[in-house]
């Protein structure tokens, strides 16, 4: 994958403004000519024409988000609101990362201390890459349709998870996606970074908390248990994410984590698709059951109970079995 953050930093170091550096770094991805991108974003540097207002790196990011996901009339109120929320959430993440969204607060204009614009440009490009290169943000409907096209596999996965998550037990799902697992299991709260996925989850009755697993906006020891289904493949830092999940679970609580084992038949197929540049799998990382157990142990989980399913490729509902090594879909219950 292109190193957008490195490119943005190089552009800034070569004289482009913070806003220009961000938009130019992504213009090829957006089908925008470089000269047009440079001219379009040239008024927004230094907090919008030296007004020292909203940071140019952030306004550049807004342009990228608009070009990638923006709407055109006729458009529904729901679609508008979903897009505005995507922009709002990005701005809030920017503010949380850097302390402010305003140029006058991010940069010392007196010249007494070196300013941090170059690093802000680089880090903003990285944040933006994670948003716009997220395959589930781009194709959330295609992802959601998979469950309707493969009802037997979906039912098999759900049955394996239900062994550890009885209906209505409460808890929270981390990386709730479109709510395909939380909803039938009676989990009503989920954390999800993708605005598109979150919108579909809301339609299934899930209360969405916008956020990433690596930095959960949740209090310590606030849930009896957490569920995470296949999301670990897309965590940018899986150990940090598991550490965060451990933090928000109450003492003697547990995590139920489900994933496709990389050593299984299906896992190997997914890795082949990743190598071929498949939309869903090109940014995924796959792990074996042993690797997941080791990560869980490192962050403080213990006492593992394991179920497995999806033993063959046939479109039939399969009952879960104890252990791992036979089925492609593995579910681990790990205690705090």
Protein backbone atom coordinates (compact mmCIF):
# COMPACT_ATOMS: atom_id res chain seq x y z
CA UNK A 1 0.00 0.00 0.00
CA UNK A 2 1.25 3.49 -0.82
CA UNK A 3 2.89 5.30 2.08
CA UNK A 4 0.60 8.34 2.07
CA UNK A 5 2.02 9.78 5.28
CA UNK A 6 5.57 9.72 3.91
CA UNK A 7 4.41 11.33 0.65
CA UNK A 8 2.50 14.07 2.50
CA UNK A 9 5.55 14.82 4.64
CA UNK A 10 7.78 15.05 1.57
CA UNK A 11 5.34 17.39 -0.15
CA UNK A 12 5.25 19.65 2.90
CA UNK A 13 9.04 19.61 3.22
CA UNK A 14 9.26 20.61 -0.47
CA UNK A 15 7.29 23.79 0.02
CA UNK A 16 3.64 22.86 -0.29
CA UNK A 17 1.31 24.11 2.42
CA UNK A 18 -0.15 21.70 4.98
CA UNK A 19 -3.48 21.65 3.16
CA UNK A 20 -1.85 21.12 -0.22
CA UNK A 21 0.38 18.34 1.10
CA UNK A 22 -2.65 16.37 2.33
CA UNK A 23 -4.78 16.74 -0.80
CA UNK A 24 -1.87 16.15 -3.18
CA UNK A 25 -0.86 12.98 -1.32
CA UNK A 26 -4.27 11.47 -2.07
CA UNK A 27 -5.11 13.08 -5.44
CA UNK A 28 -4.14 10.01 -7.49
CA UNK A 29 -6.44 7.84 -5.35
CA UNK A 30 -9.22 10.40 -5.92
CA UNK A 31 -8.67 10.83 -9.68
CA UNK A 32 -7.78 14.49 -9.23
CA UNK A 33 -5.09 16.20 -11.31
CA UNK A 34 -2.14 17.40 -9.24
CA UNK A 35 -2.26 20.98 -10.49
CA UNK A 36 -5.98 21.19 -9.76
CA UNK A 37 -5.44 19.72 -6.28
CA UNK A 38 -2.63 22.16 -5.55
CA UNK A 39 -4.65 25.20 -6.66
CA UNK A 40 -7.83 24.06 -4.93
CA UNK A 41 -6.11 23.63 -1.57
CA UNK A 42 -3.77 26.61 -1.81
CA UNK A 43 -6.09 29.00 0.07
CA UNK A 44 -6.35 26.85 3.18
CA UNK A 45 -2.79 26.82 4.49
CA UNK A 46 -1.82 28.55 7.75
CA UNK A 47 -5.30 28.18 9.18
CA UNK A 48 -7.09 29.32 6.00
CA UNK A 49 -5.08 32.11 4.41
CA UNK A 50 -3.10 32.96 7.58
CA UNK A 51 -6.29 33.52 9.56
CA UNK A 52 -4.82 30.99 11.99
CA UNK A 53 -8.19 29.26 12.13
CA UNK A 54 -8.84 25.58 11.30
CA UNK A 55 -5.57 23.76 10.64
CA UNK A 56 -4.77 23.38 6.95
CA UNK A 57 -3.97 19.69 7.39
CA UNK A 58 -7.52 19.19 8.65
CA UNK A 59 -9.17 21.23 5.88
CA UNK A 60 -7.11 19.24 3.40
CA UNK A 61 -8.44 16.06 5.01
CA UNK A 62 -12.00 17.40 4.73
CA UNK A 63 -11.48 17.83 0.98
CA UNK A 64 -10.20 14.29 0.66
CA UNK A 65 -13.15 12.91 2.63
CA UNK A 66 -15.58 14.94 0.53
CA UNK A 67 -14.07 13.77 -2.74
CA UNK A 68 -14.14 10.18 -1.53
CA UNK A 69 -17.52 10.02 0.17
CA UNK A 70 -19.32 13.32 -0.51
CA UNK A 71 -22.92 13.48 -1.72
CA UNK A 72 -24.71 15.08 -4.64
CA UNK A 73 -28.41 16.04 -4.83
CA UNK A 74 -30.84 14.43 -4.70
CA UNK A 75 -29.76 13.03 -1.36
CA UNK A 76 -31.60 11.83 1.74
CA UNK A 77 -31.23 13.49 5.13
CA UNK A 78 -29.84 10.19 6.45
CA UNK A 79 -27.10 10.17 3.82
CA UNK A 80 -26.19 13.79 4.59
CA UNK A 81 -26.11 13.10 8.32
CA UNK A 82 -23.92 10.01 7.81
CA UNK A 83 -21.41 12.04 5.80
CA UNK A 84 -21.37 14.93 8.25
CA UNK A 85 -20.81 12.45 11.08
CA UNK A 86 -17.85 10.98 9.20
CA UNK A 87 -16.33 14.47 8.95
CA UNK A 88 -17.21 15.30 12.57
CA UNK A 89 -15.67 12.07 13.87
CA UNK A 90 -12.46 12.69 11.93
CA UNK A 91 -12.21 16.23 13.33
CA UNK A 92 -12.73 14.91 16.85
CA UNK A 93 -10.02 12.30 16.37
CA UNK A 94 -7.73 15.05 15.05
CA UNK A 95 -8.50 17.20 18.10
CA UNK A 96 -7.88 14.30 20.47
CA UNK A 97 -4.58 13.47 18.77
CA UNK A 98 -3.14 16.99 18.55
CA UNK A 99 -5.00 18.89 21.27
CA UNK A 100 -6.85 21.35 19.01
CA UNK A 101 -8.16 21.82 15.47
CA UNK A 102 -7.02 25.47 15.31
CA UNK A 103 -3.78 26.63 13.74
CA UNK A 104 -3.32 29.41 16.31
CA UNK A 105 -3.31 26.80 19.10
CA UNK A 106 -1.19 24.22 17.29
CA UNK A 107 1.58 26.53 16.12
CA UNK A 108 3.64 29.15 17.91
CA UNK A 109 3.42 32.06 15.48
CA UNK A 110 5.91 34.15 17.44
CA UNK A 111 8.70 31.96 16.13
CA UNK A 112 10.07 31.33 19.62
CA UNK A 113 9.66 27.55 19.33
CA UNK A 114 9.76 25.21 16.31
CA UNK A 115 6.29 24.47 15.00
CA UNK A 116 4.95 20.94 14.60
CA UNK A 117 3.23 21.37 11.22
CA UNK A 118 5.32 18.74 9.42
CA UNK A 119 4.52 16.03 11.95
CA UNK A 120 0.84 17.03 12.01
CA UNK A 121 0.71 16.69 8.21
CA UNK A 122 2.33 13.27 8.38
CA UNK A 123 0.09 11.97 11.16
CA UNK A 124 -3.05 13.40 9.57
CA UNK A 125 -2.24 11.57 6.32
CA UNK A 126 -1.89 8.35 8.29
CA UNK A 127 -5.26 8.86 9.98
CA UNK A 128 -6.82 9.64 6.62
CA UNK A 129 -5.30 6.55 5.02
CA UNK A 130 -6.87 4.37 7.70
CA UNK A 131 -10.25 5.94 6.95
CA UNK A 132 -10.40 5.99 3.17
CA UNK A 133 -8.49 2.74 2.60
CA UNK A 134 -10.79 0.86 4.97
CA UNK A 135 -12.55 -1.65 2.68
CA UNK A 136 -15.58 -1.83 4.93
CA UNK A 137 -16.05 1.92 4.81
CA UNK A 138 -15.98 1.79 1.03
CA UNK A 139 -18.06 -1.36 0.57
CA UNK A 140 -20.11 -1.82 3.71
CA UNK A 141 -23.19 -2.89 1.75
CA UNK A 142 -21.22 -5.55 -0.12
CA UNK A 143 -19.88 -6.81 3.21
CA UNK A 144 -23.35 -6.90 4.73
CA UNK A 145 -24.80 -8.72 1.72
CA UNK A 146 -22.41 -11.64 2.34
CA UNK A 147 -24.53 -12.80 5.26
CA UNK A 148 -27.65 -12.96 3.08
CA UNK A 149 -25.78 -14.82 0.34
CA UNK A 150 -24.30 -17.37 2.76
CA UNK A 151 -27.01 -17.94 5.41
CA UNK A 152 -25.72 -21.41 6.39
CA UNK A 153 -22.17 -20.20 7.09
CA UNK A 154 -23.58 -17.20 8.96
CA UNK A 155 -25.79 -19.48 11.05
CA UNK A 156 -22.80 -21.75 11.79
CA UNK A 157 -20.67 -18.83 12.97
CA UNK A 158 -23.50 -17.42 15.06
CA UNK A 159 -24.12 -20.81 16.69
CA UNK A 160 -20.45 -21.10 17.69
CA UNK A 161 -20.42 -17.62 19.23
CA UNK A 162 -23.74 -18.25 21.00
CA UNK A 163 -22.06 -21.07 22.95
CA UNK A 164 -20.25 -18.32 24.89
CA UNK A 165 -22.71 -15.43 24.53
CA UNK A 166 -26.24 -16.36 25.63
CA UNK A 167 -28.97 -14.13 24.22
CA UNK A 168 -29.55 -10.92 26.12
CA UNK A 169 -26.47 -11.27 28.33
CA UNK A 170 -25.58 -7.62 27.73
CA UNK A 171 -21.97 -6.71 27.08
CA UNK A 172 -20.54 -4.74 24.19
CA UNK A 173 -19.19 -5.64 20.75
CA UNK A 174 -15.90 -4.07 19.70
CA UNK A 175 -15.89 -3.58 15.94
CA UNK A 176 -19.64 -4.18 15.75
CA UNK A 177 -19.70 -3.65 11.97
CA UNK A 178 -23.26 -3.74 10.64
CA UNK A 179 -24.63 -5.46 13.75
CA UNK A 180 -24.96 -8.89 12.16
CA UNK A 181 -23.77 -10.63 15.35
CA UNK A 182 -24.67 -8.17 18.10
CA UNK A 183 -28.33 -7.90 17.08
CA UNK A 184 -29.30 -11.60 17.10
CA UNK A 185 -27.30 -12.11 20.31
CA UNK A 186 -29.14 -9.30 22.09
CA UNK A 187 -26.09 -7.05 22.44
CA UNK A 188 -27.34 -3.49 22.13
CA UNK A 189 -24.09 -1.48 22.31
CA UNK A 190 -21.15 -1.53 19.91
CA UNK A 191 -17.98 0.38 19.10
CA UNK A 192 -17.42 1.03 15.39
CA UNK A 193 -15.06 3.42 13.52
CA UNK A 194 -16.77 3.15 10.12
CA UNK A 195 -19.66 5.57 9.65
CA UNK A 196 -21.15 3.45 6.86
CA UNK A 197 -21.08 0.27 8.91
CA UNK A 198 -22.41 2.09 11.96
CA UNK A 199 -25.41 3.38 10.00
CA UNK A 200 -26.46 -0.16 9.09
CA UNK A 201 -25.89 -1.34 12.67
CA UNK A 202 -28.16 1.43 13.96
CA UNK A 203 -30.91 0.11 11.70
CA UNK A 204 -30.56 -3.19 13.56
CA UNK A 205 -31.08 -1.48 16.91
CA UNK A 206 -27.46 -1.10 17.98
CA UNK A 207 -26.40 1.96 19.96
CA UNK A 208 -23.14 3.01 18.34
CA UNK A 209 -20.12 4.46 20.11
CA UNK A 210 -17.76 5.89 17.49
CA UNK A 211 -14.20 4.85 18.17
CA UNK A 212 -11.31 2.51 17.48
CA UNK A 213 -10.36 -0.59 19.43
CA UNK A 214 -6.87 0.80 20.05
CA UNK A 215 -8.29 3.80 21.91
CA UNK A 216 -11.69 2.86 23.31
CA UNK A 217 -13.76 5.82 24.53
CA UNK A 218 -14.97 3.76 27.49
CA UNK A 219 -14.37 3.81 31.23
CA UNK A 220 -12.24 1.24 33.01
CA UNK A 221 -14.05 -1.97 34.05
CA UNK A 222 -17.37 -0.87 32.56
CA UNK A 223 -18.63 -4.12 30.94
CA UNK A 224 -19.10 -7.70 32.11
CA UNK A 225 -17.89 -8.99 28.77
CA UNK A 226 -16.90 -7.90 25.28
CA UNK A 227 -17.39 -9.59 21.93
CA UNK A 228 -15.19 -9.10 18.87
CA UNK A 229 -15.91 -10.96 15.62
CA UNK A 230 -13.18 -11.04 12.90
CA UNK A 231 -12.28 -7.43 13.73
CA UNK A 232 -8.80 -8.34 14.96
CA UNK A 233 -7.80 -8.84 11.32
CA UNK A 234 -8.27 -5.10 10.80
CA UNK A 235 -6.91 -3.69 14.06
CA UNK A 236 -3.89 -1.51 13.27
CA UNK A 237 -2.31 -2.63 16.56
CA UNK A 238 -3.95 -5.87 17.77
CA UNK A 239 -2.02 -6.10 21.05
CA UNK A 240 -2.95 -2.53 21.98
CA UNK A 241 -6.58 -3.22 21.03
CA UNK A 242 -6.70 -6.33 23.22
CA UNK A 243 -5.09 -4.36 26.04
CA UNK A 244 -7.83 -1.73 25.71
CA UNK A 245 -10.53 -4.40 25.71
CA UNK A 246 -8.99 -5.94 28.83
CA UNK A 247 -9.10 -2.51 30.47
CA UNK A 248 -12.83 -1.97 29.93
CA UNK A 249 -13.89 -5.45 31.14
CA UNK A 250 -14.83 -5.87 34.79
CA UNK A 251 -12.79 -8.15 37.09
CA UNK A 252 -13.69 -11.80 36.42
CA UNK A 253 -15.33 -10.73 33.17
CA UNK A 254 -14.38 -12.13 29.77
CA UNK A 255 -13.75 -11.49 26.11
CA UNK A 256 -15.26 -13.61 23.35
CA UNK A 257 -13.14 -13.24 20.23
CA UNK A 258 -13.94 -14.93 16.90
CA UNK A 259 -11.72 -15.10 13.83
CA UNK A 260 -10.72 -17.18 10.82
CA UNK A 261 -7.61 -19.19 11.68
CA UNK A 262 -4.87 -18.40 9.16
CA UNK A 263 -3.72 -22.04 9.14
CA UNK A 264 -7.16 -23.34 8.14
CA UNK A 265 -8.34 -24.01 4.60
CA UNK A 266 -10.44 -20.85 4.57
CA UNK A 267 -7.65 -18.86 6.19
CA UNK A 268 -5.26 -19.85 3.44
CA UNK A 269 -7.81 -18.85 0.80
CA UNK A 270 -8.18 -15.42 2.42
CA UNK A 271 -4.41 -14.95 2.43
CA UNK A 272 -4.33 -15.77 -1.28
CA UNK A 273 -7.02 -13.15 -1.88
CA UNK A 274 -5.03 -10.65 0.17
CA UNK A 275 -1.97 -11.29 -2.00
CA UNK A 276 -4.13 -10.77 -5.10
CA UNK A 277 -5.32 -7.37 -3.82
CA UNK A 278 -8.90 -8.30 -2.91
CA UNK A 279 -10.87 -5.26 -1.65
CA UNK A 280 -11.77 -6.79 1.71
CA UNK A 281 -8.57 -8.64 2.48
CA UNK A 282 -5.76 -6.47 1.11
CA UNK A 283 -5.45 -4.54 4.38
CA UNK A 284 -6.19 -7.52 6.65
CA UNK A 285 -3.75 -9.42 8.85
CA UNK A 286 -4.51 -13.03 9.66
CA UNK A 287 -3.49 -14.95 12.77
CA UNK A 288 -3.39 -18.54 13.96
CA UNK A 289 -5.21 -19.64 17.08
CA UNK A 290 -1.89 -20.00 18.88
CA UNK A 291 -0.92 -16.43 17.94
CA UNK A 292 -4.23 -15.09 19.24
CA UNK A 293 -3.86 -17.04 22.50
CA UNK A 294 -0.36 -15.64 22.97
CA UNK A 295 -1.56 -12.05 22.43
CA UNK A 296 -4.43 -12.60 24.86
CA UNK A 297 -2.04 -13.95 27.48
CA UNK A 298 0.39 -11.05 27.09
CA UNK A 299 -2.32 -8.46 27.90
CA UNK A 300 -3.62 -10.39 30.92
CA UNK A 301 -6.32 -12.81 29.74
CA UNK A 302 -6.28 -16.46 30.81
CA UNK A 303 -8.44 -19.63 31.11
CA UNK A 304 -9.29 -20.14 27.47
CA UNK A 305 -12.36 -22.04 26.28
CA UNK A 306 -12.44 -22.68 22.53
CA UNK A 307 -15.08 -23.65 19.95
CA UNK A 308 -14.71 -24.17 16.20
CA UNK A 309 -16.95 -24.47 13.13
CA UNK A 310 -16.89 -24.25 9.31
CA UNK A 311 -15.31 -27.63 8.76
CA UNK A 312 -15.93 -27.82 5.02
CA UNK A 313 -16.93 -25.62 2.09
CA UNK A 314 -20.46 -26.96 1.76
CA UNK A 315 -23.34 -24.54 2.26
CA UNK A 316 -24.78 -26.35 5.29
CA UNK A 317 -25.34 -25.35 8.90
CA UNK A 318 -22.59 -26.95 11.02
CA UNK A 319 -22.69 -27.46 14.77
CA UNK A 320 -19.71 -26.15 16.75
CA UNK A 321 -17.16 -28.49 18.33
CA UNK A 322 -14.70 -28.01 21.16
CA UNK A 323 -11.09 -27.11 20.42
CA UNK A 324 -9.40 -25.93 17.24
CA UNK A 325 -7.42 -27.28 14.33
CA UNK A 326 -10.31 -28.66 12.29
CA UNK A 327 -12.68 -25.74 11.71
CA UNK A 328 -11.80 -22.52 9.92
CA UNK A 329 -13.84 -20.29 12.25
CA UNK A 330 -12.56 -20.26 15.83
CA UNK A 331 -14.14 -18.67 18.91
CA UNK A 332 -12.16 -18.15 22.12
CA UNK A 333 -13.62 -17.20 25.50
CA UNK A 334 -10.83 -15.64 27.56
CA UNK A 335 -11.22 -14.58 31.19
CA UNK A 336 -9.81 -11.49 32.88
